[in-house]
């Protein structure tokens, strides 16, 4: 994990390492709020803004995948280890809504 972050040009901070671990441990796509809640359940304290910025950096570095989920009033991004728009569409068809928590984190 630490080496992957360094190769991507990112310093392996607690926030970045914890977020990658939470996203990789979850079998379903997660929103930023889901990731934040997973970190809180693990006892990792950070602000939501810090978590969101770290998700953005990890996405830009290619360590976390991000897909825009169509929302009527505001955009919502889903994060996963690997994620394609087709998977999001299929997931939306199979589930009435994205789960608010990931049981595996």
C-alpha atoms as a PDB file:
ATOM      1  CA  UNK A   1       0.000   0.000   0.000  1.00  0.00           C
ATOM      2  CA  UNK A   2       2.663   2.489   1.001  1.00  0.00           C
ATOM      3  CA  UNK A   3       4.715   1.729  -2.097  1.00  0.00           C
ATOM      4  CA  UNK A   4       1.689   2.146  -4.378  1.00  0.00           C
ATOM      5  CA  UNK A   5       1.040   5.590  -2.924  1.00  0.00           C
ATOM      6  CA  UNK A   6       4.676   6.601  -3.321  1.00  0.00           C
ATOM      7  CA  UNK A   7       4.779   5.337  -6.911  1.00  0.00           C
ATOM      8  CA  UNK A   8       1.719   7.478  -7.609  1.00  0.00           C
ATOM      9  CA  UNK A   9       3.584  10.491  -6.233  1.00  0.00           C
ATOM     10  CA  UNK A  10       1.528  10.711  -3.045  1.00  0.00           C
ATOM     11  CA  UNK A  11       2.810  10.808   0.490  1.00  0.00           C
ATOM     12  CA  UNK A  12       1.310   7.865   2.445  1.00  0.00           C
ATOM     13  CA  UNK A  13      -0.689   9.822   5.027  1.00  0.00           C
ATOM     14  CA  UNK A  14      -3.057   8.194   7.496  1.00  0.00           C
ATOM     15  CA  UNK A  15      -6.010   9.598   5.548  1.00  0.00           C
ATOM     16  CA  UNK A  16      -4.874   8.230   2.186  1.00  0.00           C
ATOM     17  CA  UNK A  17      -3.890   4.801   3.486  1.00  0.00           C
ATOM     18  CA  UNK A  18      -7.104   4.439   5.514  1.00  0.00           C
ATOM     19  CA  UNK A  19      -9.296   5.498   2.594  1.00  0.00           C
ATOM     20  CA  UNK A  20      -7.692   3.086   0.146  1.00  0.00           C
ATOM     21  CA  UNK A  21      -8.070   0.272   2.669  1.00  0.00           C
ATOM     22  CA  UNK A  22     -11.750   1.117   3.263  1.00  0.00           C
ATOM     23  CA  UNK A  23     -12.556   1.296  -0.451  1.00  0.00           C
ATOM     24  CA  UNK A  24     -10.691  -1.934  -1.233  1.00  0.00           C
ATOM     25  CA  UNK A  25     -12.428  -3.777   1.631  1.00  0.00           C
ATOM     26  CA  UNK A  26     -15.907  -2.933   0.372  1.00  0.00           C
ATOM     27  CA  UNK A  27     -17.546  -5.204  -2.194  1.00  0.00           C
ATOM     28  CA  UNK A  28     -19.946  -2.486  -3.396  1.00  0.00           C
ATOM     29  CA  UNK A  29     -19.362   1.056  -4.670  1.00  0.00           C
ATOM     30  CA  UNK A  30     -19.287   3.682  -1.932  1.00  0.00           C
ATOM     31  CA  UNK A  31     -20.149   7.362  -1.792  1.00  0.00           C
ATOM     32  CA  UNK A  32     -17.766   9.794  -0.100  1.00  0.00           C
ATOM     33  CA  UNK A  33     -20.145   9.755   2.859  1.00  0.00           C
ATOM     34  CA  UNK A  34     -19.947   5.951   3.007  1.00  0.00           C
ATOM     35  CA  UNK A  35     -16.154   6.111   3.054  1.00  0.00           C
ATOM     36  CA  UNK A  36     -16.224   8.758   5.771  1.00  0.00           C
ATOM     37  CA  UNK A  37     -18.596   6.653   7.930  1.00  0.00           C
ATOM     38  CA  UNK A  38     -16.429   3.554   7.411  1.00  0.00           C
ATOM     39  CA  UNK A  39     -13.415   5.491   8.684  1.00  0.00           C
ATOM     40  CA  UNK A  40     -15.338   6.692  11.740  1.00  0.00           C
ATOM     41  CA  UNK A  41     -16.412   3.101  12.537  1.00  0.00           C
ATOM     42  CA  UNK A  42     -12.756   2.098  12.397  1.00  0.00           C
ATOM     43  CA  UNK A  43     -11.912   4.835  14.898  1.00  0.00           C
ATOM     44  CA  UNK A  44     -10.063   6.976  12.359  1.00  0.00           C
ATOM     45  CA  UNK A  45     -10.805  10.608  13.029  1.00  0.00           C
ATOM     46  CA  UNK A  46     -10.629  13.158  10.217  1.00  0.00           C
ATOM     47  CA  UNK A  47     -12.835  15.834   8.784  1.00  0.00           C
ATOM     48  CA  UNK A  48     -15.139  15.135   5.858  1.00  0.00           C
ATOM     49  CA  UNK A  49     -13.257  17.719   3.785  1.00  0.00           C
ATOM     50  CA  UNK A  50      -9.990  15.883   4.389  1.00  0.00           C
ATOM     51  CA  UNK A  51     -11.551  12.586   3.351  1.00  0.00           C
ATOM     52  CA  UNK A  52     -13.084  14.127   0.223  1.00  0.00           C
ATOM     53  CA  UNK A  53      -9.790  15.773  -0.819  1.00  0.00           C
ATOM     54  CA  UNK A  54      -7.922  12.508  -0.259  1.00  0.00           C
ATOM     55  CA  UNK A  55     -10.499  10.646  -2.387  1.00  0.00           C
ATOM     56  CA  UNK A  56      -9.992  13.204  -5.135  1.00  0.00           C
ATOM     57  CA  UNK A  57      -6.199  12.842  -4.974  1.00  0.00           C
ATOM     58  CA  UNK A  58      -6.432   9.036  -4.976  1.00  0.00           C
ATOM     59  CA  UNK A  59      -8.777   9.150  -7.965  1.00  0.00           C
ATOM     60  CA  UNK A  60      -6.454  11.456  -9.895  1.00  0.00           C
ATOM     61  CA  UNK A  61      -3.540   9.129  -9.080  1.00  0.00           C
ATOM     62  CA  UNK A  62      -5.511   6.110 -10.347  1.00  0.00           C
ATOM     63  CA  UNK A  63      -5.594   4.285  -7.003  1.00  0.00           C
ATOM     64  CA  UNK A  64      -9.362   4.632  -6.585  1.00  0.00           C
ATOM     65  CA  UNK A  65     -11.964   4.600  -9.358  1.00  0.00           C
ATOM     66  CA  UNK A  66     -14.717   7.236  -9.439  1.00  0.00           C
ATOM     67  CA  UNK A  67     -17.906   7.217 -11.500  1.00  0.00           C
ATOM     68  CA  UNK A  68     -20.659   9.819 -11.586  1.00  0.00           C
ATOM     69  CA  UNK A  69     -23.986   8.353 -10.562  1.00  0.00           C
ATOM     70  CA  UNK A  70     -26.850  10.139 -12.259  1.00  0.00           C
ATOM     71  CA  UNK A  71     -28.761  12.186  -9.722  1.00  0.00           C
ATOM     72  CA  UNK A  72     -31.705  14.443 -10.418  1.00  0.00           C
ATOM     73  CA  UNK A  73     -30.791  17.351  -8.161  1.00  0.00           C
ATOM     74  CA  UNK A  74     -27.073  17.032  -7.513  1.00  0.00           C
ATOM     75  CA  UNK A  75     -24.233  14.872  -8.731  1.00  0.00           C
ATOM     76  CA  UNK A  76     -23.131  11.908  -6.623  1.00  0.00           C
ATOM     77  CA  UNK A  77     -19.869  10.099  -7.161  1.00  0.00           C
ATOM     78  CA  UNK A  78     -19.299   6.447  -6.353  1.00  0.00           C
ATOM     79  CA  UNK A  79     -15.858   5.162  -5.420  1.00  0.00           C
ATOM     80  CA  UNK A  80     -14.470   1.648  -5.726  1.00  0.00           C
ATOM     81  CA  UNK A  81     -11.239  -0.237  -6.282  1.00  0.00           C
ATOM     82  CA  UNK A  82     -12.277  -0.692  -9.915  1.00  0.00           C
ATOM     83  CA  UNK A  83     -15.504   0.644 -11.273  1.00  0.00           C
ATOM     84  CA  UNK A  84     -17.033   1.127 -14.695  1.00  0.00           C
ATOM     85  CA  UNK A  85     -20.147   3.092 -15.601  1.00  0.00           C
ATOM     86  CA  UNK A  86     -21.797  -0.181 -16.705  1.00  0.00           C
ATOM     87  CA  UNK A  87     -21.324  -1.604 -13.216  1.00  0.00           C
ATOM     88  CA  UNK A  88     -22.946   1.465 -11.672  1.00  0.00           C
ATOM     89  CA  UNK A  89     -25.914   1.235 -14.029  1.00  0.00           C
ATOM     90  CA  UNK A  90     -26.332  -2.480 -13.319  1.00  0.00           C
ATOM     91  CA  UNK A  91     -26.000  -1.866  -9.605  1.00  0.00           C
ATOM     92  CA  UNK A  92     -28.661   0.861  -9.764  1.00  0.00           C
ATOM     93  CA  UNK A  93     -31.020  -1.520 -11.555  1.00  0.00           C
ATOM     94  CA  UNK A  94     -30.482  -4.327  -9.044  1.00  0.00           C
ATOM     95  CA  UNK A  95     -30.685  -2.108  -5.955  1.00  0.00           C
ATOM     96  CA  UNK A  96     -33.246   0.559  -5.222  1.00  0.00           C
ATOM     97  CA  UNK A  97     -30.554   2.677  -3.632  1.00  0.00           C
ATOM     98  CA  UNK A  98     -26.853   2.607  -2.873  1.00  0.00           C
ATOM     99  CA  UNK A  99     -26.268   1.151   0.612  1.00  0.00           C
ATOM    100  CA  UNK A 100     -25.339   3.784   3.178  1.00  0.00           C
ATOM    101  CA  UNK A 101     -22.684   1.611   4.768  1.00  0.00           C
ATOM    102  CA  UNK A 102     -20.388  -1.187   3.785  1.00  0.00           C
ATOM    103  CA  UNK A 103     -20.606  -4.156   6.122  1.00  0.00           C
ATOM    104  CA  UNK A 104     -17.108  -5.350   5.304  1.00  0.00           C
ATOM    105  CA  UNK A 105     -15.309  -2.184   6.509  1.00  0.00           C
END
